[in-house]
Protein backbone atom coordinates (compact mmCIF):
# COMPACT_ATOMS: atom_id res chain seq x y z
CA MET A 1 330.36 155.15 -41.73
CA GLY A 2 331.48 157.10 -44.73
CA TRP A 3 328.44 159.33 -44.61
CA LEU A 4 329.36 160.71 -41.13
CA THR A 5 331.73 163.52 -41.97
CA PRO A 6 333.30 165.66 -39.27
CA GLN A 7 331.03 168.57 -40.27
CA LEU A 8 327.88 166.43 -40.03
CA ALA A 9 328.98 165.02 -36.66
CA THR A 10 329.53 168.59 -35.38
CA LEU A 11 326.10 169.64 -36.65
CA MET A 12 324.43 166.63 -35.02
CA ALA A 13 326.19 167.32 -31.70
CA ALA A 14 325.07 170.96 -31.87
CA LEU A 15 321.45 169.91 -32.56
CA VAL A 16 321.46 167.49 -29.63
CA ALA A 17 322.86 170.22 -27.37
CA LEU A 18 320.25 172.69 -28.66
CA VAL A 19 317.41 170.26 -27.95
CA GLY A 20 318.81 169.65 -24.46
CA VAL A 21 318.95 173.37 -23.76
CA GLY A 22 315.41 173.81 -25.12
CA VAL A 23 314.05 171.07 -22.86
CA THR A 24 315.81 172.60 -19.84
CA VAL A 25 314.44 176.06 -20.59
CA LEU A 26 310.91 174.67 -21.04
CA GLN A 27 311.09 172.77 -17.74
CA LYS A 28 312.35 175.89 -15.95
CA TRP A 29 309.58 178.00 -17.46
CA ARG A 30 306.91 175.49 -16.42
CA SER A 31 308.35 175.25 -12.92
CA ASP A 32 308.47 179.05 -12.56
CA ARG A 33 304.90 179.36 -13.83
CA ARG A 34 303.68 176.72 -11.40
CA ASP A 35 305.51 178.38 -8.49
CA ALA A 36 303.98 181.74 -9.40
CA TRP A 37 300.52 180.15 -9.58
CA TRP A 38 300.97 178.65 -6.12
CA GLN A 39 302.12 182.00 -4.71
CA ARG A 40 298.97 183.62 -6.10
CA ALA A 41 296.86 180.74 -4.79
CA GLN A 42 298.36 181.09 -1.30
CA TRP A 43 297.69 184.83 -1.37
CA ALA A 44 294.06 184.26 -2.45
CA ILE A 45 293.50 181.54 0.16
CA ASP A 46 294.93 183.78 2.88
CA LYS A 47 292.61 186.60 1.78
CA SER A 48 289.61 184.25 1.74
CA TYR A 49 290.17 183.48 5.43
CA SER A 50 290.41 187.14 6.44
CA PRO A 51 287.99 188.37 9.09
CA ASP A 52 287.33 191.38 6.81
CA PRO A 53 284.53 190.40 4.40
CA ASP A 54 285.83 192.72 1.68
CA GLN A 55 289.20 190.94 1.77
CA ARG A 56 287.37 187.61 1.79
CA GLU A 57 285.50 188.56 -1.36
CA ILE A 58 288.76 189.50 -3.10
CA GLY A 59 290.31 186.16 -2.10
CA ASN A 60 287.28 184.15 -3.22
CA ARG A 61 287.08 185.90 -6.59
CA SER A 62 290.84 185.51 -7.06
CA MET A 63 290.53 181.76 -6.56
CA GLY A 64 287.88 181.75 -9.28
CA VAL A 65 290.34 183.48 -11.60
CA LEU A 66 293.13 181.04 -10.69
CA ASN A 67 290.79 178.17 -11.50
CA ARG A 68 290.63 179.35 -15.12
CA ASP A 69 294.36 178.82 -15.60
CA SER A 70 294.70 175.53 -17.41
CA PHE A 71 298.41 175.27 -18.13
CA GLY A 72 300.27 173.03 -15.70
CA ILE A 73 297.53 173.10 -13.07
CA TRP A 74 296.40 169.68 -11.95
CA ASP A 75 293.13 168.53 -10.48
CA ALA A 76 294.86 168.19 -7.11
CA ASP A 77 295.63 171.93 -7.25
CA ARG A 78 291.98 172.68 -7.98
CA GLU A 79 290.98 170.42 -5.08
CA VAL A 80 292.99 172.69 -2.78
CA LEU A 81 291.09 175.70 -4.14
CA ARG A 82 287.83 173.81 -3.71
CA ILE A 83 288.56 173.02 -0.07
CA ALA A 84 289.49 176.64 0.64
CA LEU A 85 286.40 177.95 -1.16
CA ARG A 86 284.14 175.50 0.65
CA ARG A 87 285.51 176.59 4.01
CA SER A 88 285.20 180.26 3.09
CA PHE A 89 281.63 179.68 1.92
CA GLU A 90 280.68 177.93 5.16
CA ASP A 91 282.54 180.44 7.36
CA ALA A 92 280.80 183.32 5.60
CA ALA A 93 277.43 181.71 6.30
CA ALA A 94 278.28 181.29 9.97
CA SER A 95 279.73 184.78 10.35
CA ALA A 96 276.86 186.38 8.40
CA ALA A 97 274.39 185.44 11.12
CA ALA A 98 276.70 186.71 13.87
CA ARG A 99 277.52 189.95 12.09
CA GLU A 100 273.87 190.70 11.36
CA ARG A 101 273.21 190.75 15.08
CA VAL A 102 276.18 193.04 15.75
CA ALA A 103 276.35 195.44 12.80
CA ALA A 104 273.73 195.38 10.08
CA GLY A 105 275.87 197.65 7.90
CA ARG A 106 278.53 194.95 7.29
CA SER A 107 276.23 192.04 6.54
CA ASP A 108 276.10 193.00 2.85
CA ALA A 109 279.90 192.67 2.63
CA VAL A 110 279.71 189.25 4.27
CA GLN A 111 277.02 188.23 1.77
CA ARG A 112 279.14 189.46 -1.16
CA ALA A 113 282.05 187.34 0.12
CA ARG A 114 279.74 184.34 0.38
CA VAL A 115 278.39 184.90 -3.15
CA ALA A 116 281.95 185.19 -4.48
CA ALA A 117 282.87 181.92 -2.75
CA ALA A 118 279.76 180.22 -4.18
CA GLN A 119 280.40 181.43 -7.73
CA SER A 120 284.05 180.38 -7.66
CA LEU A 121 283.16 177.06 -6.04
CA ILE A 122 280.72 176.31 -8.88
CA ALA A 123 283.45 177.06 -11.44
CA VAL A 124 285.99 174.85 -9.64
CA ASP A 125 283.48 172.01 -9.25
CA ASP A 126 282.59 172.32 -12.93
CA ARG A 127 286.25 172.14 -13.92
CA LEU A 128 286.71 169.05 -11.73
CA GLY A 129 283.50 167.44 -12.98
CA ARG A 130 282.02 167.38 -9.46
CA GLU A 131 278.49 167.95 -8.29
CA THR A 132 277.80 171.21 -6.47
CA ASP A 133 275.37 171.50 -3.60
CA PRO A 134 272.05 173.18 -4.50
CA GLU A 135 272.61 175.70 -1.68
CA VAL A 136 275.77 176.91 -3.41
CA TYR A 137 273.86 177.50 -6.67
CA GLU A 138 271.16 179.35 -4.76
CA VAL A 139 273.63 181.66 -3.02
CA ALA A 140 275.47 182.26 -6.31
CA GLY A 141 272.24 183.24 -8.04
CA VAL A 142 272.69 180.57 -10.70
CA ASP A 143 269.97 178.14 -11.80
CA PRO A 144 271.71 174.82 -12.52
CA GLU A 145 268.68 173.61 -14.49
CA ALA A 146 268.55 176.58 -16.86
CA PRO A 147 269.26 176.01 -20.57
CA GLY A 148 272.93 176.39 -21.41
CA ALA A 149 274.11 174.47 -18.38
CA THR A 150 277.19 173.49 -20.35
CA ARG A 151 280.44 174.74 -18.95
CA PRO A 152 280.66 177.86 -21.16
CA GLY A 153 277.00 178.63 -20.48
CA LEU A 154 277.50 178.19 -16.76
CA LEU A 155 280.54 180.47 -16.73
CA ARG A 156 278.60 183.10 -18.71
CA ARG A 157 275.75 182.98 -16.19
CA ILE A 158 278.20 183.29 -13.29
CA THR A 159 279.84 186.28 -14.95
CA LYS A 160 276.45 187.92 -15.46
CA ALA A 161 275.50 187.21 -11.85
CA ARG A 162 278.78 188.79 -10.68
CA ARG A 163 278.07 191.92 -12.71
CA GLY A 164 274.55 192.05 -11.36
CA SER A 165 272.94 192.01 -14.81
């Protein structure tokens, strides 16, 4: 091993150490990012179960935003969002009927929360490659049969529906 001089051996050891440090830093960064995502997801899920429809809408829309994050988020994570959105969507439907009887002034907020849940649920289902119930499309104001039903086209239509244009 005449080619392995002490200087080359030192350089190789330094490179191996540098790669090891780089891998450790990358793993820590990914872990921190995933933990932060889960903290935001927990916050959004908690908001989506709030009895206040305005808070519910914020939680449902936040879950739609979290769904767009693609780095380090697995399908199982999106399934959790899907379950929470589905429950929020169904709870909003049940509470909408009750609230309309009690206070007509708040039923629009309940409907906005339900629309937000429907729109985010469509986006999550699309990301997971799952079918979405026709009722969800109807509430979201999105025609699943319209041209441009590809994922980008669908997300554009949802964004337009959210803006009311």
